[in-house]
Amino acid sequence: LEDYNIGWFRQAPGKEREGVSCITRSDGRI
């Protein structure tokens, strides 16, 4: 996982997917 940027997403019924948070591989920018 440390080789990748990681994101968390969510999707509620009847709604579009939402990007909740993400963190970079290199320096942990959030």
PDB file of all heavy atoms in Angstrom:
ATOM      1  N   LEU A   1       0.812  -1.213   0.000  1.00  0.00           N
ATOM      2  CA  LEU A   1       0.000   0.000   0.000  1.00  0.00           C
ATOM      3  C   LEU A   1       0.840   1.256   0.000  1.00  0.00           C
ATOM      4  O   LEU A   1       0.425   2.285  -0.535  1.00  0.00           O
ATOM      5  CB  LEU A   1      -0.936   0.015   1.207  1.00  0.00           C
ATOM      6  CG  LEU A   1      -2.249  -0.755   1.063  1.00  0.00           C
ATOM      7  CD1 LEU A   1      -3.071  -0.605   2.338  1.00  0.00           C
ATOM      8  CD2 LEU A   1      -3.032  -0.281  -0.134  1.00  0.00           C
ATOM      9  N   GLU A   2       2.011   1.200   0.576  1.00  0.00           N
ATOM     10  CA  GLU A   2       2.851   2.395   0.645  1.00  0.00           C
ATOM     11  C   GLU A   2       3.350   2.838  -0.726  1.00  0.00           C
ATOM     12  O   GLU A   2       3.882   3.937  -0.860  1.00  0.00           O
ATOM     13  CB  GLU A   2       4.033   2.146   1.581  1.00  0.00           C
ATOM     14  CG  GLU A   2       3.628   2.144   3.047  1.00  0.00           C
ATOM     15  CD  GLU A   2       4.823   2.114   3.986  1.00  0.00           C
ATOM     16  OE1 GLU A   2       5.775   1.382   3.704  1.00  0.00           O
ATOM     17  OE2 GLU A   2       4.775   2.845   4.998  1.00  0.00           O
ATOM     18  N   ASP A   3       3.186   2.011  -1.738  1.00  0.00           N
ATOM     19  CA  ASP A   3       3.568   2.387  -3.104  1.00  0.00           C
ATOM     20  C   ASP A   3       2.461   3.121  -3.834  1.00  0.00           C
ATOM     21  O   ASP A   3       2.643   3.542  -4.981  1.00  0.00           O
ATOM     22  CB  ASP A   3       3.941   1.138  -3.907  1.00  0.00           C
ATOM     23  CG  ASP A   3       5.221   0.495  -3.412  1.00  0.00           C
ATOM     24  OD1 ASP A   3       6.038   1.193  -2.781  1.00  0.00           O
ATOM     25  OD2 ASP A   3       5.399  -0.714  -3.645  1.00  0.00           O
ATOM     26  N   TYR A   4       1.313   3.265  -3.172  1.00  0.00           N
ATOM     27  CA  TYR A   4       0.136   3.833  -3.815  1.00  0.00           C
ATOM     28  C   TYR A   4      -0.453   4.970  -2.999  1.00  0.00           C
ATOM     29  O   TYR A   4      -0.334   4.987  -1.768  1.00  0.00           O
ATOM     30  CB  TYR A   4      -0.948   2.760  -3.982  1.00  0.00           C
ATOM     31  CG  TYR A   4      -0.602   1.700  -4.999  1.00  0.00           C
ATOM     32  CD1 TYR A   4       0.295   0.687  -4.695  1.00  0.00           C
ATOM     33  CD2 TYR A   4      -1.191   1.716  -6.265  1.00  0.00           C
ATOM     34  CE1 TYR A   4       0.617  -0.281  -5.633  1.00  0.00           C
ATOM     35  CE2 TYR A   4      -0.876   0.743  -7.204  1.00  0.00           C
ATOM     36  CZ  TYR A   4       0.031  -0.239  -6.875  1.00  0.00           C
ATOM     37  OH  TYR A   4       0.339  -1.199  -7.804  1.00  0.00           O
ATOM     38  N   ASN A   5      -1.093   5.899  -3.677  1.00  0.00           N
ATOM     39  CA  ASN A   5      -2.007   6.806  -2.988  1.00  0.00           C
ATOM     40  C   ASN A   5      -3.267   6.013  -2.657  1.00  0.00           C
ATOM     41  O   ASN A   5      -3.734   5.195  -3.457  1.00  0.00           O
ATOM     42  CB  ASN A   5      -2.384   7.986  -3.884  1.00  0.00           C
ATOM     43  CG  ASN A   5      -1.218   8.899  -4.181  1.00  0.00           C
ATOM     44  OD1 ASN A   5      -0.185   8.859  -3.516  1.00  0.00           O
ATOM     45  ND2 ASN A   5      -1.381   9.736  -5.192  1.00  0.00           N
ATOM     46  N   ILE A   6      -3.823   6.267  -1.492  1.00  0.00           N
ATOM     47  CA  ILE A   6      -5.003   5.527  -1.045  1.00  0.00           C
ATOM     48  C   ILE A   6      -6.152   6.492  -0.798  1.00  0.00           C
ATOM     49  O   ILE A   6      -5.963   7.550  -0.197  1.00  0.00           O
ATOM     50  CB  ILE A   6      -4.709   4.746   0.241  1.00  0.00           C
ATOM     51  CG1 ILE A   6      -3.523   3.806   0.033  1.00  0.00           C
ATOM     52  CG2 ILE A   6      -5.956   3.970   0.690  1.00  0.00           C
ATOM     53  CD1 ILE A   6      -3.733   2.778  -1.049  1.00  0.00           C
ATOM     54  N   GLY A   7      -7.311   6.108  -1.258  1.00  0.00           N
ATOM     55  CA  GLY A   7      -8.492   6.928  -1.052  1.00  0.00           C
ATOM     56  C   GLY A   7      -9.604   6.146  -0.391  1.00  0.00           C
ATOM     57  O   GLY A   7      -9.685   4.921  -0.523  1.00  0.00           O
ATOM     58  N   TRP A   8     -10.434   6.869   0.347  1.00  0.00           N
ATOM     59  CA  TRP A   8     -11.669   6.309   0.896  1.00  0.00           C
ATOM     60  C   TRP A   8     -12.839   7.013   0.203  1.00  0.00           C
ATOM     61  O   TRP A   8     -12.860   8.241   0.103  1.00  0.00           O
ATOM     62  CB  TRP A   8     -11.770   6.526   2.397  1.00  0.00           C
ATOM     63  CG  TRP A   8     -10.947   5.584   3.218  1.00  0.00           C
ATOM     64  CD1 TRP A   8      -9.729   5.822   3.775  1.00  0.00           C
ATOM     65  CD2 TRP A   8     -11.311   4.254   3.597  1.00  0.00           C
ATOM     66  NE1 TRP A   8      -9.306   4.716   4.471  1.00  0.00           N
ATOM     67  CE2 TRP A   8     -10.265   3.736   4.375  1.00  0.00           C
ATOM     68  CE3 TRP A   8     -12.425   3.448   3.359  1.00  0.00           C
ATOM     69  CZ2 TRP A   8     -10.274   2.451   4.916  1.00  0.00           C
ATOM     70  CZ3 TRP A   8     -12.445   2.167   3.899  1.00  0.00           C
ATOM     71  CH2 TRP A   8     -11.382   1.683   4.658  1.00  0.00           C
ATOM     72  N   PHE A   9     -13.791   6.218  -0.225  1.00  0.00           N
ATOM     73  CA  PHE A   9     -14.984   6.713  -0.894  1.00  0.00           C
ATOM     74  C   PHE A   9     -16.215   6.143  -0.194  1.00  0.00           C
ATOM     75  O   PHE A   9     -16.121   5.143   0.511  1.00  0.00           O
ATOM     76  CB  PHE A   9     -14.986   6.288  -2.370  1.00  0.00           C
ATOM     77  CG  PHE A   9     -13.872   6.894  -3.166  1.00  0.00           C
ATOM     78  CD1 PHE A   9     -12.595   6.352  -3.124  1.00  0.00           C
ATOM     79  CD2 PHE A   9     -14.093   8.002  -3.954  1.00  0.00           C
ATOM     80  CE1 PHE A   9     -11.554   6.915  -3.841  1.00  0.00           C
ATOM     81  CE2 PHE A   9     -13.066   8.573  -4.691  1.00  0.00           C
ATOM     82  CZ  PHE A   9     -11.787   8.027  -4.629  1.00  0.00           C
ATOM     83  N   ARG A  10     -17.345   6.767  -0.436  1.00  0.00           N
ATOM     84  CA  ARG A  10     -18.589   6.222   0.093  1.00  0.00           C
ATOM     85  C   ARG A  10     -19.711   6.458  -0.898  1.00  0.00           C
ATOM     86  O   ARG A  10     -19.661   7.400  -1.692  1.00  0.00           O
ATOM     87  CB  ARG A  10     -18.938   6.832   1.451  1.00  0.00           C
ATOM     88  CG  ARG A  10     -19.282   8.325   1.425  1.00  0.00           C
ATOM     89  CD  ARG A  10     -19.471   8.824   2.848  1.00  0.00           C
ATOM     90  NE  ARG A  10     -19.821  10.249   2.874  1.00  0.00           N
ATOM     91  CZ  ARG A  10     -19.929  10.951   3.997  1.00  0.00           C
ATOM     92  NH1 ARG A  10     -19.716  10.370   5.174  1.00  0.00           N
ATOM     93  NH2 ARG A  10     -20.261  12.224   3.939  1.00  0.00           N
ATOM     94  N   GLN A  11     -20.695   5.580  -0.824  1.00  0.00           N
ATOM     95  CA  GLN A  11     -21.860   5.736  -1.680  1.00  0.00           C
ATOM     96  C   GLN A  11     -23.100   5.333  -0.916  1.00  0.00           C
ATOM     97  O   GLN A  11     -23.212   4.198  -0.436  1.00  0.00           O
ATOM     98  CB  GLN A  11     -21.731   4.898  -2.951  1.00  0.00           C
ATOM     99  CG  GLN A  11     -22.833   5.186  -3.965  1.00  0.00           C
ATOM    100  CD  GLN A  11     -22.490   4.700  -5.355  1.00  0.00           C
ATOM    101  OE1 GLN A  11     -21.666   3.815  -5.541  1.00  0.00           O
ATOM    102  NE2 GLN A  11     -23.138   5.301  -6.359  1.00  0.00           N
ATOM    103  N   ALA A  12     -23.996   6.286  -0.781  1.00  0.00           N
ATOM    104  CA  ALA A  12     -25.279   6.045  -0.127  1.00  0.00           C
ATOM    105  C   ALA A  12     -26.312   5.695  -1.190  1.00  0.00           C
ATOM    106  O   ALA A  12     -26.164   6.072  -2.353  1.00  0.00           O
ATOM    107  CB  ALA A  12     -25.705   7.290   0.646  1.00  0.00           C
ATOM    108  N   PRO A  13     -27.374   4.989  -0.809  1.00  0.00           N
ATOM    109  CA  PRO A  13     -28.400   4.614  -1.779  1.00  0.00           C
ATOM    110  C   PRO A  13     -28.971   5.834  -2.494  1.00  0.00           C
ATOM    111  O   PRO A  13     -29.328   6.826  -1.848  1.00  0.00           O
ATOM    112  CB  PRO A  13     -29.463   3.930  -0.919  1.00  0.00           C
ATOM    113  CG  PRO A  13     -28.714   3.424   0.261  1.00  0.00           C
ATOM    114  CD  PRO A  13     -27.649   4.432   0.522  1.00  0.00           C
ATOM    115  N   GLY A  14     -29.015   5.777  -3.808  1.00  0.00           N
ATOM    116  CA  GLY A  14     -29.586   6.859  -4.592  1.00  0.00           C
ATOM    117  C   GLY A  14     -28.697   8.074  -4.753  1.00  0.00           C
ATOM    118  O   GLY A  14     -29.121   9.077  -5.326  1.00  0.00           O
ATOM    119  N   LYS A  15     -27.475   7.979  -4.242  1.00  0.00           N
ATOM    120  CA  LYS A  15     -26.555   9.127  -4.331  1.00  0.00           C
ATOM    121  C   LYS A  15     -25.304   8.751  -5.102  1.00  0.00           C
ATOM    122  O   LYS A  15     -24.951   7.577  -5.224  1.00  0.00           O
ATOM    123  CB  LYS A  15     -26.183   9.615  -2.933  1.00  0.00           C
ATOM    124  CG  LYS A  15     -27.343  10.201  -2.160  1.00  0.00           C
ATOM    125  CD  LYS A  15     -26.867  10.844  -0.876  1.00  0.00           C
ATOM    126  CE  LYS A  15     -28.008  11.508  -0.128  1.00  0.00           C
ATOM    127  NZ  LYS A  15     -27.534  12.178   1.116  1.00  0.00           N
ATOM    128  N   GLU A  16     -24.610   9.768  -5.588  1.00  0.00           N
ATOM    129  CA  GLU A  16     -23.362   9.532  -6.297  1.00  0.00           C
ATOM    130  C   GLU A  16     -22.251   9.188  -5.302  1.00  0.00           C
ATOM    131  O   GLU A  16     -22.315   9.561  -4.123  1.00  0.00           O
ATOM    132  CB  GLU A  16     -22.978  10.777  -7.101  1.00  0.00           C
ATOM    133  CG  GLU A  16     -23.895  11.053  -8.270  1.00  0.00           C
ATOM    134  CD  GLU A  16     -23.371  12.157  -9.158  1.00  0.00           C
ATOM    135  OE1 GLU A  16     -22.349  12.768  -8.820  1.00  0.00           O
ATOM    136  OE2 GLU A  16     -24.010  12.411 -10.195  1.00  0.00           O
ATOM    137  N   ARG A  17     -21.252   8.496  -5.806  1.00  0.00           N
ATOM    138  CA  ARG A  17     -20.090   8.181  -4.985  1.00  0.00           C
ATOM    139  C   ARG A  17     -19.374   9.471  -4.592  1.00  0.00           C
ATOM    140  O   ARG A  17     -19.202  10.375  -5.397  1.00  0.00           O
ATOM    141  CB  ARG A  17     -19.153   7.258  -5.763  1.00  0.00           C
ATOM    142  CG  ARG A  17     -17.937   6.798  -4.991  1.00  0.00           C
ATOM    143  CD  ARG A  17     -17.173   5.768  -5.781  1.00  0.00           C
ATOM    144  NE  ARG A  17     -16.783   6.276  -7.082  1.00  0.00           N
ATOM    145  CZ  ARG A  17     -16.367   5.518  -8.083  1.00  0.00           C
ATOM    146  NH1 ARG A  17     -16.317   4.201  -7.931  1.00  0.00           N
ATOM    147  NH2 ARG A  17     -16.005   6.043  -9.234  1.00  0.00           N
ATOM    148  N   GLU A  18     -18.940   9.519  -3.337  1.00  0.00           N
ATOM    149  CA  GLU A  18     -18.268  10.702  -2.794  1.00  0.00           C
ATOM    150  C   GLU A  18     -16.870  10.326  -2.337  1.00  0.00           C
ATOM    151  O   GLU A  18     -16.700   9.331  -1.619  1.00  0.00           O
ATOM    152  CB  GLU A  18     -19.069  11.282  -1.627  1.00  0.00           C
ATOM    153  CG  GLU A  18     -18.399  12.463  -0.950  1.00  0.00           C
ATOM    154  CD  GLU A  18     -19.121  12.913   0.306  1.00  0.00           C
ATOM    155  OE1 GLU A  18     -19.947  12.152   0.841  1.00  0.00           O
ATOM    156  OE2 GLU A  18     -18.858  14.033   0.773  1.00  0.00           O
ATOM    157  N   GLY A  19     -15.895  11.111  -2.719  1.00  0.00           N
ATOM    158  CA  GLY A  19     -14.544  10.925  -2.208  1.00  0.00           C
ATOM    159  C   GLY A  19     -14.448  11.519  -0.819  1.00  0.00           C
ATOM    160  O   GLY A  19     -14.638  12.719  -0.651  1.00  0.00           O
ATOM    161  N   VAL A  20     -14.160  10.699   0.167  1.00  0.00           N
ATOM    162  CA  VAL A  20     -14.160  11.125   1.564  1.00  0.00           C
ATOM    163  C   VAL A  20     -12.793  11.658   1.980  1.00  0.00           C
ATOM    164  O   VAL A  20     -12.690  12.721   2.585  1.00  0.00           O
ATOM    165  CB  VAL A  20     -14.562   9.948   2.470  1.00  0.00           C
ATOM    166  CG1 VAL A  20     -14.411  10.313   3.931  1.00  0.00           C
ATOM    167  CG2 VAL A  20     -15.991   9.514   2.159  1.00  0.00           C
ATOM    168  N   SER A  21     -11.757  10.917   1.637  1.00  0.00           N
ATOM    169  CA  SER A  21     -10.412  11.292   2.075  1.00  0.00           C
ATOM    170  C   SER A  21      -9.396  10.542   1.239  1.00  0.00           C
ATOM    171  O   SER A  21      -9.710   9.518   0.628  1.00  0.00           O
ATOM    172  CB  SER A  21     -10.220  10.950   3.556  1.00  0.00           C
ATOM    173  OG  SER A  21      -8.928  11.336   4.001  1.00  0.00           O
ATOM    174  N   CYS A  22      -8.174  11.068   1.199  1.00  0.00           N
ATOM    175  CA  CYS A  22      -7.089  10.345   0.525  1.00  0.00           C
ATOM    176  C   CYS A  22      -5.769  10.735   1.168  1.00  0.00           C
ATOM    177  O   CYS A  22      -5.662  11.766   1.832  1.00  0.00           O
ATOM    178  CB  CYS A  22      -7.089  10.601  -0.976  1.00  0.00           C
ATOM    179  SG  CYS A  22      -6.734  12.295  -1.482  1.00  0.00           S
ATOM    180  N   ILE A  23      -4.770   9.868   0.949  1.00  0.00           N
ATOM    181  CA  ILE A  23      -3.435  10.090   1.505  1.00  0.00           C
ATOM    182  C   ILE A  23      -2.414   9.695   0.446  1.00  0.00           C
ATOM    183  O   ILE A  23      -2.562   8.685  -0.236  1.00  0.00           O
ATOM    184  CB  ILE A  23      -3.241   9.289   2.811  1.00  0.00           C
ATOM    185  CG1 ILE A  23      -1.886   9.587   3.451  1.00  0.00           C
ATOM    186  CG2 ILE A  23      -3.419   7.785   2.588  1.00  0.00           C
ATOM    187  CD1 ILE A  23      -1.762   9.048   4.881  1.00  0.00           C
ATOM    188  N   THR A  24      -1.377  10.542   0.300  1.00  0.00           N
ATOM    189  CA  THR A  24      -0.388  10.271  -0.734  1.00  0.00           C
ATOM    190  C   THR A  24       0.612   9.210  -0.303  1.00  0.00           C
ATOM    191  O   THR A  24       0.832   8.974   0.883  1.00  0.00           O
ATOM    192  CB  THR A  24       0.393  11.542  -1.100  1.00  0.00           C
ATOM    193  OG1 THR A  24       1.083  12.013   0.084  1.00  0.00           O
ATOM    194  CG2 THR A  24      -0.522  12.628  -1.620  1.00  0.00           C
ATOM    195  N   ARG A  25       1.211   8.611  -1.314  1.00  0.00           N
ATOM    196  CA  ARG A  25       2.229   7.601  -1.072  1.00  0.00           C
ATOM    197  C   ARG A  25       3.477   8.209  -0.472  1.00  0.00           C
ATOM    198  O   ARG A  25       4.035   7.679   0.497  1.00  0.00           O
ATOM    199  CB  ARG A  25       2.593   6.928  -2.401  1.00  0.00           C
ATOM    200  CG  ARG A  25       3.749   5.951  -2.306  1.00  0.00           C
ATOM    201  CD  ARG A  25       4.305   5.635  -3.660  1.00  0.00           C
ATOM    202  NE  ARG A  25       5.035   6.756  -4.218  1.00  0.00           N
ATOM    203  CZ  ARG A  25       5.762   6.691  -5.316  1.00  0.00           C
ATOM    204  NH1 ARG A  25       5.832   5.567  -5.998  1.00  0.00           N
ATOM    205  NH2 ARG A  25       6.407   7.737  -5.774  1.00  0.00           N
ATOM    206  N   SER A  26       3.926   9.308  -1.048  1.00  0.00           N
ATOM    207  CA  SER A  26       5.280   9.780  -0.786  1.00  0.00           C
ATOM    208  C   SER A  26       5.431  10.445   0.576  1.00  0.00           C
ATOM    209  O   SER A  26       6.305  10.083   1.351  1.00  0.00           O
ATOM    210  CB  SER A  26       5.706  10.748  -1.879  1.00  0.00           C
ATOM    211  OG  SER A  26       4.793  11.833  -1.966  1.00  0.00           O
ATOM    212  N   ASP A  27       4.590  11.410   0.870  1.00  0.00           N
ATOM    213  CA  ASP A  27       4.807  12.222   2.061  1.00  0.00           C
ATOM    214  C   ASP A  27       3.589  12.314   2.959  1.00  0.00           C
ATOM    215  O   ASP A  27       3.562  13.118   3.884  1.00  0.00           O
ATOM    216  CB  ASP A  27       5.254  13.629   1.669  1.00  0.00           C
ATOM    217  CG  ASP A  27       4.272  14.308   0.720  1.00  0.00           C
ATOM    218  OD1 ASP A  27       3.221  13.701   0.434  1.00  0.00           O
ATOM    219  OD2 ASP A  27       4.569  15.422   0.266  1.00  0.00           O
ATOM    220  N   GLY A  28       2.604  11.480   2.699  1.00  0.00           N
ATOM    221  CA  GLY A  28       1.453  11.439   3.586  1.00  0.00           C
ATOM    222  C   GLY A  28       0.574  12.668   3.553  1.00  0.00           C
ATOM    223  O   GLY A  28      -0.107  12.963   4.548  1.00  0.00           O
ATOM    224  N   ARG A  29       0.608  13.439   2.450  1.00  0.00           N
ATOM    225  CA  ARG A  29      -0.335  14.549   2.342  1.00  0.00           C
ATOM    226  C   ARG A  29      -1.757  13.982   2.358  1.00  0.00           C
ATOM    227  O   ARG A  29      -2.030  12.957   1.759  1.00  0.00           O
ATOM    228  CB  ARG A  29      -0.098  15.340   1.057  1.00  0.00           C
ATOM    229  CG  ARG A  29       1.074  16.294   1.107  1.00  0.00           C
ATOM    230  CD  ARG A  29       1.348  16.864  -0.253  1.00  0.00           C
ATOM    231  NE  ARG A  29       1.933  15.853  -1.126  1.00  0.00           N
ATOM    232  CZ  ARG A  29       1.989  15.962  -2.448  1.00  0.00           C
ATOM    233  NH1 ARG A  29       1.457  17.005  -3.055  1.00  0.00           N
ATOM    234  NH2 ARG A  29       2.561  15.010  -3.173  1.00  0.00           N
ATOM    235  N   ILE A  30      -2.610  14.696   3.039  1.00  0.00           N
ATOM    236  CA  ILE A  30      -3.972  14.214   3.265  1.00  0.00           C
ATOM    237  C   ILE A  30      -4.978  15.237   2.761  1.00  0.00           C
ATOM    238  O   ILE A  30      -4.754  16.439   2.842  1.00  0.00           O
ATOM    239  CB  ILE A  30      -4.178  13.927   4.770  1.00  0.00           C
ATOM    240  CG1 ILE A  30      -3.359  12.703   5.181  1.00  0.00           C
ATOM    241  CG2 ILE A  30      -5.650  13.725   5.096  1.00  0.00           C
ATOM    242  CD1 ILE A  30      -3.343  12.456   6.682  1.00  0.00           C
TER     243      ILE A  30
END
